[in-house]
Protein backbone atom coordinates (compact mmCIF):
# COMPACT_ATOMS: atom_id res chain seq x y z
CA MET A 1 0.00 0.00 0.00
CA TRP A 2 2.81 2.39 0.95
CA ASP A 3 4.68 1.51 -2.25
CA ASP A 4 1.61 2.26 -4.36
CA SER A 5 1.17 5.59 -2.61
CA ALA A 6 4.85 6.51 -3.06
CA GLN A 7 4.74 5.49 -6.72
CA SER A 8 1.58 7.53 -7.27
CA GLN A 9 3.21 10.58 -5.62
CA SER A 10 6.32 10.11 -7.76
CA THR A 11 4.22 9.94 -10.94
CA LEU A 12 2.32 13.08 -9.94
CA GLU A 13 5.55 15.00 -9.28
CA ALA A 14 6.94 13.91 -12.67
CA LYS A 15 3.76 15.13 -14.39
CA LEU A 16 3.89 18.45 -12.53
CA LYS A 17 7.54 19.01 -13.46
CA ALA A 18 6.78 18.23 -17.12
CA LEU A 19 4.19 21.03 -17.36
CA GLN A 20 5.08 24.18 -19.28
CA CYS A 21 4.17 27.04 -16.92
CA HIS A 22 5.67 29.70 -14.67
CA PHE A 23 6.16 27.18 -11.85
CA THR A 24 8.53 25.08 -14.01
CA TRP A 25 10.40 27.82 -15.90
CA ASN A 26 13.12 28.26 -13.26
CA ILE A 27 12.19 31.86 -12.58
CA GLU A 28 14.54 33.01 -9.84
CA HIS A 29 12.67 34.35 -6.83
CA ASN A 30 14.06 37.60 -5.48
CA SER A 31 13.08 41.13 -4.50
CA LYS A 32 12.65 42.04 -8.17
CA PHE A 33 9.22 40.41 -7.90
CA TYR A 34 7.95 43.45 -6.03
CA ARG A 35 9.16 45.70 -8.86
CA ILE A 36 7.65 43.39 -11.49
CA LYS A 37 4.36 43.33 -9.59
CA ASP A 38 4.31 47.14 -9.79
CA LYS A 39 5.32 47.13 -13.47
CA LEU A 40 2.52 44.73 -14.34
CA LYS A 41 0.04 46.92 -12.49
CA ASP A 42 1.26 49.94 -14.48
CA ILE A 43 0.64 48.16 -17.80
CA GLY A 44 -3.06 48.54 -17.14
CA THR A 45 -5.83 46.07 -17.87
CA ASP A 46 -7.74 47.74 -20.68
CA GLU A 47 -9.93 45.51 -22.78
CA GLY A 48 -8.37 44.75 -26.12
CA ASN A 49 -4.86 44.34 -24.70
CA SER A 50 -3.68 41.19 -26.47
CA TRP A 51 -1.36 40.33 -23.57
CA LEU A 52 -4.00 40.65 -20.85
CA GLY A 53 -4.18 36.90 -20.17
CA HIS A 54 -0.39 36.74 -19.94
CA ILE A 55 -0.32 39.75 -17.59
CA TYR A 56 -2.78 38.08 -15.20
CA ASN A 57 -0.93 34.75 -15.51
CA LEU A 58 2.38 36.30 -14.43
CA GLN A 59 0.61 38.34 -11.73
CA GLY A 60 -0.82 35.09 -10.36
CA TYR A 61 2.58 33.41 -10.20
CA ILE A 62 4.27 36.44 -8.62
CA HIS A 63 1.53 36.85 -6.01
CA TYR A 64 1.97 33.19 -5.06
CA GLN A 65 5.73 33.70 -4.66
CA LEU A 66 5.03 36.74 -2.49
CA LYS A 67 2.84 34.50 -0.31
CA LEU A 68 -0.40 36.18 -1.43
CA LYS A 69 -2.16 32.91 -2.25
CA LYS A 70 -5.76 34.13 -2.51
CA ASP A 71 -4.67 36.94 -4.83
CA ALA A 72 -2.67 34.41 -6.86
CA LEU A 73 -5.75 32.26 -7.49
CA CYS A 74 -7.83 35.34 -8.31
CA PHE A 75 -5.31 36.50 -10.95
CA LEU A 76 -5.03 33.05 -12.53
CA LYS A 77 -8.83 32.85 -12.82
CA LYS A 78 -8.82 36.33 -14.40
CA ALA A 79 -6.20 35.05 -16.86
CA THR A 80 -8.51 32.19 -17.90
CA GLU A 81 -11.36 34.61 -18.49
CA ALA A 82 -9.14 37.10 -20.38
CA PHE A 83 -7.90 34.37 -22.74
CA ARG A 84 -11.46 33.22 -23.40
CA GLN A 85 -12.65 36.74 -24.18
CA SER A 86 -9.73 37.58 -26.46
CA LYS A 87 -9.74 34.37 -28.50
CA VAL A 88 -12.15 32.90 -31.02
CA SER A 89 -13.09 29.97 -28.78
CA ASP A 90 -13.25 29.19 -25.06
CA GLU A 91 -10.63 26.43 -25.22
CA GLY A 92 -7.33 26.40 -27.06
CA PRO A 93 -3.54 26.03 -26.73
CA TRP A 94 -3.26 29.54 -25.26
CA LEU A 95 -4.68 28.06 -22.02
CA VAL A 96 -1.93 25.43 -21.57
CA VAL A 97 0.30 27.70 -19.44
CA ASN A 98 -2.65 29.06 -17.47
CA TYR A 99 -4.02 25.58 -16.68
CA GLY A 100 -0.48 24.46 -15.80
CA ASN A 101 -0.22 27.33 -13.32
CA LEU A 102 -3.61 26.42 -11.83
CA THR A 103 -2.52 22.76 -11.57
CA TRP A 104 0.55 23.80 -9.60
CA LEU A 105 -1.23 26.38 -7.43
CA HIS A 106 -3.96 23.98 -6.32
CA HIS A 107 -1.27 21.35 -5.65
CA LYS A 108 0.68 23.84 -3.52
CA LEU A 109 -2.53 24.71 -1.65
CA GLY A 110 -3.15 21.00 -0.93
CA GLU A 111 -6.25 20.96 -3.14
CA GLU A 112 -5.40 17.79 -5.05
CA ALA A 113 -8.82 17.19 -6.65
CA GLU A 114 -8.76 20.64 -8.29
CA SER A 115 -5.12 20.11 -9.25
CA GLN A 116 -5.96 16.83 -10.99
CA THR A 117 -8.86 18.50 -12.83
CA TYR A 118 -6.54 21.09 -14.35
CA LEU A 119 -3.87 18.48 -15.07
CA SER A 120 -6.46 16.56 -17.11
CA LYS A 121 -7.40 19.78 -18.95
CA VAL A 122 -3.74 20.32 -19.89
CA ASP A 123 -3.49 16.74 -21.20
CA THR A 124 -6.64 17.24 -23.28
CA LEU A 125 -5.37 20.51 -24.78
CA LEU A 126 -1.97 19.05 -25.65
CA LYS A 127 -3.61 16.07 -27.39
CA GLU A 128 -6.06 18.25 -29.28
CA TYR A 129 -3.63 21.03 -30.21
CA SER A 130 -0.26 19.45 -30.85
CA SER A 131 2.71 21.58 -31.88
CA PRO A 132 3.18 22.06 -35.65
CA SER A 133 6.80 21.05 -35.11
CA GLN A 134 7.32 17.66 -33.48
CA ASP A 135 10.52 18.61 -31.62
CA GLU A 136 9.35 21.99 -30.35
CA LEU A 137 6.82 23.44 -27.94
CA HIS A 138 3.52 24.80 -29.19
CA PRO A 139 3.99 28.37 -30.53
CA GLU A 140 1.51 29.74 -27.96
CA ILE A 141 3.77 28.37 -25.20
CA TYR A 142 6.92 29.83 -26.78
CA ALA A 143 5.21 33.23 -27.10
CA GLU A 144 4.12 33.32 -23.46
CA LYS A 145 7.52 32.09 -22.29
CA ALA A 146 9.19 34.84 -24.34
CA TRP A 147 6.86 37.55 -23.06
CA THR A 148 7.43 36.39 -19.46
CA LEU A 149 11.22 36.46 -19.84
CA MET A 150 11.05 40.03 -21.16
CA LYS A 151 9.15 41.11 -18.06
CA ILE A 152 11.17 39.11 -15.50
CA ASN A 153 14.75 39.59 -16.62
CA GLN A 154 16.10 42.11 -19.13
CA ASP A 155 19.29 40.05 -19.41
CA LYS A 156 17.15 37.37 -21.11
CA ASN A 157 15.89 39.58 -23.95
CA GLU A 158 17.98 37.71 -26.53
CA LEU A 159 16.57 34.36 -25.38
CA ALA A 160 13.07 35.88 -25.43
CA ALA A 161 13.67 37.04 -29.00
CA ASP A 162 14.70 33.48 -29.92
CA TYR A 163 11.48 32.06 -28.42
CA PHE A 164 9.41 34.64 -30.31
CA GLN A 165 11.19 33.69 -33.54
CA ARG A 166 10.31 30.02 -33.00
CA ALA A 167 6.67 30.90 -32.30
CA ILE A 168 6.48 33.17 -35.37
CA ARG A 169 8.09 30.56 -37.60
CA MET A 170 5.29 28.11 -36.77
CA GLN A 171 2.46 30.67 -36.60
CA PRO A 172 3.42 33.76 -38.65
CA ASP A 173 0.02 35.50 -38.57
CA MET A 174 0.19 36.65 -34.91
CA VAL A 175 0.75 40.41 -35.16
CA GLU A 176 1.45 40.96 -31.46
CA TRP A 177 4.23 38.35 -31.52
CA HIS A 178 6.04 40.20 -34.30
CA THR A 179 5.70 43.46 -32.35
CA SER A 180 6.96 42.03 -29.07
CA TYR A 181 9.80 40.24 -30.86
CA VAL A 182 11.03 43.58 -32.23
CA ILE A 183 10.60 45.32 -28.86
CA GLY A 184 12.70 42.54 -27.30
CA LEU A 185 15.43 43.08 -29.91
CA VAL A 186 15.45 46.82 -29.20
CA LYS A 187 15.73 46.25 -25.45
CA ALA A 188 18.52 43.71 -25.92
CA HIS A 189 20.44 46.45 -27.74
CA LYS A 190 22.14 49.24 -25.74
CA TYR A 191 18.78 50.93 -25.50
CA GLY A 192 18.54 54.60 -26.45
CA GLU A 193 22.30 55.22 -26.64
CA THR A 194 23.15 54.47 -30.26
CA PRO A 195 21.07 53.75 -33.38
CA LEU A 196 20.07 50.17 -34.04
CA GLU A 197 21.63 48.05 -36.75
CA GLU A 198 19.87 48.31 -40.11
CA GLU A 199 18.61 44.71 -39.90
CA ILE A 200 16.72 45.39 -36.65
CA LEU A 201 15.44 48.71 -38.01
CA GLU A 202 14.01 46.91 -41.03
CA LYS A 203 12.25 44.41 -38.73
CA MET A 204 10.88 47.36 -36.76
CA ARG A 205 9.49 48.95 -39.94
CA MET A 206 7.82 45.70 -40.94
CA ALA A 207 6.34 45.23 -37.46
CA LYS A 208 4.98 48.80 -37.57
CA GLU A 209 3.31 48.08 -40.93
CA ARG A 210 1.64 44.98 -39.44
CA ASP A 211 0.69 46.77 -36.21
CA PRO A 212 0.03 50.44 -37.09
CA GLU A 213 -2.13 51.01 -34.00
CA ASN A 214 0.69 50.11 -31.57
CA LEU A 215 1.76 53.51 -30.21
CA TYR A 216 4.58 52.08 -28.07
CA LEU A 217 6.21 50.68 -31.20
CA ALA A 218 5.60 53.99 -33.00
CA ALA A 219 7.41 55.86 -30.19
CA LEU A 220 10.36 53.45 -30.37
CA GLU A 221 10.62 53.95 -34.12
CA LEU A 222 10.53 57.74 -33.72
CA GLU A 223 13.36 57.51 -31.20
CA GLN A 224 15.50 55.53 -33.65
CA ARG A 225 14.87 58.03 -36.42
CA ALA A 226 15.75 60.90 -34.09
CA LEU A 227 19.03 59.16 -33.22
CA ARG A 228 19.74 59.16 -36.97
CA GLU A 229 19.17 62.94 -36.91
CA GLU A 230 15.90 62.89 -38.86
CA ARG A 231 13.44 65.69 -38.21
CA ILE A 232 10.66 64.09 -36.17
CA GLU A 233 9.12 67.06 -34.32
CA ASP A 234 5.78 67.16 -36.17
CA GLU A 235 5.31 63.39 -35.99
CA ALA A 236 6.19 63.39 -32.28
CA ARG A 237 3.53 66.01 -31.56
CA GLU A 238 0.96 64.08 -33.61
CA LEU A 239 1.86 60.88 -31.73
CA ALA A 240 1.42 62.73 -28.42
CA ARG A 241 -2.14 63.63 -29.44
CA LEU A 242 -2.87 59.98 -30.29
CA ILE A 243 -1.43 58.71 -27.01
CA LEU A 244 -3.45 61.16 -24.92
CA ARG A 245 -6.72 60.00 -26.49
CA ASN A 246 -6.57 56.77 -24.46
CA PRO A 247 -5.93 56.00 -20.78
CA VAL A 248 -2.19 56.22 -20.25
CA SER A 249 -0.22 53.13 -19.21
CA SER A 250 3.33 51.84 -19.59
CA TYR A 251 2.20 50.16 -22.85
CA SER A 252 0.96 53.46 -24.32
CA GLY A 253 4.41 54.71 -25.36
CA ILE A 254 4.24 57.89 -23.24
CA LYS A 255 7.57 57.37 -21.44
CA VAL A 256 9.51 56.68 -24.65
CA LEU A 257 7.88 59.69 -26.32
CA LEU A 258 8.71 61.99 -23.40
CA TRP A 259 12.33 60.87 -23.66
CA VAL A 260 12.28 61.66 -27.41
CA TYR A 261 10.89 65.13 -26.60
CA SER A 262 13.50 65.81 -23.91
CA GLU A 263 16.47 64.57 -25.97
CA HIS A 264 15.55 65.67 -29.49
CA ILE A 265 12.97 68.46 -29.24
CA SER A 266 12.87 70.28 -25.90
CA VAL A 267 12.82 69.14 -22.28
CA ASP A 268 10.43 72.02 -21.50
CA GLU A 269 8.01 70.65 -24.13
CA ALA A 270 8.39 67.22 -22.51
CA ILE A 271 7.41 68.72 -19.15
CA ALA A 272 4.47 70.57 -20.72
CA LEU A 273 3.24 67.35 -22.35
CA ALA A 274 3.59 65.39 -19.08
CA GLU A 275 1.70 68.09 -17.16
CA GLU A 276 -1.05 68.11 -19.82
CA ALA A 277 -1.35 64.33 -19.55
CA LEU A 278 -1.48 64.56 -15.74
CA GLU A 279 -4.25 67.13 -15.94
CA LYS A 280 -6.24 64.72 -18.11
CA TYR A 281 -5.45 61.58 -16.06
CA PRO A 282 -4.61 62.88 -12.55
CA ASP A 283 -4.91 59.51 -10.78
CA VAL A 284 -2.49 57.46 -12.92
CA ARG A 285 0.58 56.85 -10.77
CA TYR A 286 2.72 55.74 -13.74
CA LEU A 287 2.04 59.07 -15.39
CA LYS A 288 3.14 60.91 -12.23
CA TRP A 289 6.41 58.98 -12.40
CA CYS A 290 6.83 59.96 -16.08
CA ALA A 291 6.26 63.63 -15.17
CA ALA A 292 8.75 63.36 -12.30
CA LEU A 293 11.30 61.91 -14.74
CA CYS A 294 10.86 64.87 -17.10
CA TYR A 295 11.67 67.31 -14.32
CA LYS A 296 14.68 65.18 -13.33
CA TRP A 297 15.94 65.21 -16.94
CA LYS A 298 15.72 69.02 -16.90
CA ILE A 299 17.15 69.75 -13.47
CA LEU A 300 20.01 67.30 -12.88
CA PRO A 301 22.14 68.31 -15.89
CA ASP A 302 21.34 72.03 -15.30
CA ARG A 303 23.34 74.16 -12.88
CA HIS A 304 20.83 76.99 -12.71
CA SER A 305 17.30 75.57 -12.41
CA HIS A 306 14.68 77.82 -10.84
CA GLU A 307 13.86 76.99 -7.25
CA SER A 308 10.15 76.71 -8.16
CA THR A 309 10.98 74.04 -10.79
CA ILE A 310 13.05 72.09 -8.26
CA HIS A 311 10.23 72.40 -5.72
CA ARG A 312 7.72 70.92 -8.22
CA ALA A 313 10.14 68.10 -9.02
CA VAL A 314 10.75 67.29 -5.35
CA ASN A 315 7.03 67.24 -4.54
CA LEU A 316 6.28 65.01 -7.54
CA HIS A 317 9.02 62.57 -6.50
CA LYS A 318 7.72 62.46 -2.92
CA GLU A 319 4.21 61.71 -4.19
CA VAL A 320 5.49 59.01 -6.56
CA ILE A 321 7.52 57.37 -3.74
CA SER A 322 4.35 57.20 -1.62
CA LEU A 323 2.57 55.48 -4.54
CA TYR A 324 5.35 52.87 -4.92
CA PRO A 325 5.90 51.99 -1.25
CA ASN A 326 7.91 48.82 -1.78
CA PRO A 327 11.65 49.54 -1.24
CA SER A 328 12.60 47.65 -4.41
CA SER A 329 10.24 49.79 -6.52
CA SER A 330 11.09 53.10 -4.85
CA LEU A 331 14.91 52.86 -4.73
CA VAL A 332 15.54 54.63 -8.07
CA LYS A 333 12.96 57.25 -7.18
CA LYS A 334 14.57 57.96 -3.77
CA ILE A 335 18.01 58.29 -5.38
CA ALA A 336 16.52 60.82 -7.82
CA LEU A 337 14.95 62.69 -4.89
CA ALA A 338 18.33 62.88 -3.10
CA ASN A 339 19.96 64.30 -6.24
CA LEU A 340 17.17 66.86 -6.63
CA TYR A 341 17.63 67.95 -3.00
CA ALA A 342 21.31 68.49 -3.80
CA LYS A 343 20.31 70.92 -6.55
CA SER A 344 18.08 73.03 -4.33
CA ARG A 345 19.20 75.97 -2.22
CA ASP A 346 20.46 74.69 1.14
CA GLY A 347 19.42 71.15 0.16
CA LEU A 348 22.70 69.24 0.65
CA ALA A 349 21.80 68.20 4.20
CA LYS A 350 18.53 66.64 2.98
CA ALA A 351 20.36 64.95 0.11
CA GLU A 352 22.94 63.46 2.46
CA GLN A 353 20.26 62.30 4.90
CA THR A 354 18.34 60.58 2.08
CA TYR A 355 21.47 58.83 0.83
CA GLN A 356 22.44 57.72 4.35
CA GLU A 357 18.97 56.22 4.87
CA LEU A 358 19.32 54.33 1.59
CA LEU A 359 22.85 53.14 2.43
CA ALA A 360 21.49 51.68 5.67
CA THR A 361 18.79 49.73 3.79
CA LYS A 362 19.12 45.99 3.12
CA LEU A 363 19.53 45.69 -0.65
CA GLU A 364 20.38 43.04 -3.21
CA LEU A 365 23.84 43.16 -4.74
CA ALA A 366 22.75 44.81 -8.01
CA GLU A 367 20.70 47.41 -6.14
CA ARG A 368 23.62 48.19 -3.79
CA GLN A 369 25.96 48.52 -6.77
CA MET A 370 23.58 51.02 -8.39
CA LEU A 371 23.21 53.00 -5.14
CA TYR A 372 26.99 53.17 -4.58
CA SER A 373 27.44 54.40 -8.17
CA TYR A 374 24.98 57.26 -7.76
CA TYR A 375 26.36 58.14 -4.32
CA ALA A 376 29.93 58.25 -5.71
CA LYS A 377 28.80 60.64 -8.44
CA TYR A 378 26.93 62.82 -5.91
CA LEU A 379 30.01 62.94 -3.64
CA TYR A 380 32.20 64.01 -6.55
CA PHE A 381 29.98 66.64 -8.16
CA ASN A 382 27.86 67.95 -5.27
CA ARG A 383 30.04 67.56 -2.19
CA LYS A 384 33.42 67.90 -3.96
CA ASP A 385 34.66 65.03 -1.80
CA ASN A 386 37.09 63.32 -4.17
CA ARG A 387 38.50 60.79 -1.72
CA LYS A 388 35.16 59.48 -0.56
CA SER A 389 33.86 59.46 -4.13
CA ILE A 390 36.82 57.32 -5.22
CA GLU A 391 36.15 54.94 -2.31
CA TYR A 392 32.57 54.40 -3.52
CA TYR A 393 33.56 54.03 -7.17
CA MET A 394 35.91 51.29 -5.98
CA LYS A 395 33.06 49.66 -4.03
CA VAL A 396 30.97 49.62 -7.23
CA ALA A 397 33.77 48.14 -9.34
CA LYS A 398 34.55 45.51 -6.69
CA ILE A 399 31.03 44.05 -6.81
CA PRO A 400 31.31 41.08 -9.23
CA LEU A 401 28.54 42.14 -11.59
CA ASP A 402 29.68 43.09 -15.07
CA ASN A 403 27.15 45.76 -16.00
CA TYR A 404 26.69 49.43 -16.83
CA PHE A 405 27.45 50.64 -13.29
CA GLN A 406 30.65 48.65 -12.97
CA ARG A 407 31.90 49.79 -16.38
CA LYS A 408 31.08 53.44 -15.64
CA SER A 409 32.81 53.27 -12.25
CA ILE A 410 35.99 51.85 -13.76
CA GLU A 411 35.80 54.59 -16.39
CA ALA A 412 35.41 57.24 -13.65
CA LEU A 413 38.48 55.88 -11.80
CA GLU A 414 40.53 55.88 -15.03
CA ASN A 415 39.42 59.44 -15.82
CA PHE A 416 40.30 60.72 -12.33
CA LYS A 417 43.76 59.10 -12.58
CA ASP A 418 44.42 60.68 -16.01
CA ARG A 419 43.15 64.15 -15.05
CA ASN A 420 44.88 64.33 -11.67
CA PRO A 421 48.38 62.87 -12.20
CA GLY A 422 49.72 64.65 -9.12
CA SER A 423 47.03 63.35 -6.73
CA PRO A 424 48.17 61.05 -3.90
CA MET A 425 45.18 58.81 -4.79
CA VAL A 426 46.54 57.91 -8.24
CA ARG A 427 48.81 55.11 -7.00
CA GLU A 428 45.96 53.68 -4.91
CA ILE A 429 43.66 53.69 -7.96
CA GLU A 430 46.31 52.05 -10.16
CA LYS A 431 46.87 49.25 -7.63
CA PHE A 432 43.10 48.73 -7.32
CA LEU A 433 42.54 48.56 -11.10
CA ASP A 434 45.51 46.20 -11.58
CA LYS A 435 44.09 43.86 -8.96
CA LEU A 436 40.65 44.05 -10.56
CA ARG A 437 42.08 43.13 -13.98
CA LEU A 438 43.85 40.13 -12.49
CA GLN A 439 40.59 38.93 -10.90
CA LYS A 440 38.74 39.28 -14.23
CA SER A 441 41.42 37.50 -16.30
């Protein structure tokens, strides 16, 4: 009897592990989940969003990982309903991941009868809707896996693009897959710094032809054309009008467009557009963050901002921080607030206090590296404390994460050494960089 029970349990576990869903995709659980939870909320849940089922699916998984089990079940049920409303029939391969998630969730909750029901539904779907390619997953599964990777981990954008390619190869008529594939390619590139390669640009043009109503994609394309020094002012203003016709979310393209305005038209026009949008949609927290960013883009590079402008920026940042209370979601916003304080008259004490509070916070390695990098820059430019700034740049470089912040910190150390050959810190920096190179080799 015991053997039968053990064998039955072993068979069940094997079936659960074989499911294609968020519970089996080796999604690392960390504090980023709080940020992702906020990002998913900011996407919005407007009807007609082709990714609505996927949004609810990922929300369900994340809420389970954050120990919000009732919310998890609620989101997974919403995902089922969203898929049914957005597709031509109630049942189809697009439900495989959702039913897999529900199988796992009920199993985790000890509700084995419900778990078995969903397991049977997955089996039925897989038999009825087999993959067009014998050695590959169903394209609907590849597409959801790709979309999930793009939301969970930006380092996986290239893998996400590969999954989208596989899905598109088997099912080329899915417009939203082409669009998301291109967006993933853009994000995998050094985003916003240099123009894309011609091959990716061509894919972007083709995706825009297939999906002319996608304003996020339109904003990305405008940005690329602006980087190539095309005149885009009139089109940008027309796109702004289109974006403001609908409720604003992170999928609406507003943030990308505001960046285009600030970099290629006028940061004051960006602020005016953000304020106009806020007047129209005063309760959208994501929009408040976009407006706060516009003020930051104006003030931080400027030595002579008006005190009233800084005051508006500080108040907006404070409000945004209160709307994103989780420390993981508010870290970047609090760093920005500290830097804005430093720009205000008699604001250095507030800036230092904010930074000290952040430095005392328990953070993940990547978050700490980012914080040290911004603090080092603040020490150098605002407090003119070269020694302490160098110490923090070294702390950033020492953290074994090869990313933007580490590269910029090493660059800052090299620059200081070259510009200040007579400084007593030069030898210290040289020894540090030599040791770092040895560790990396």
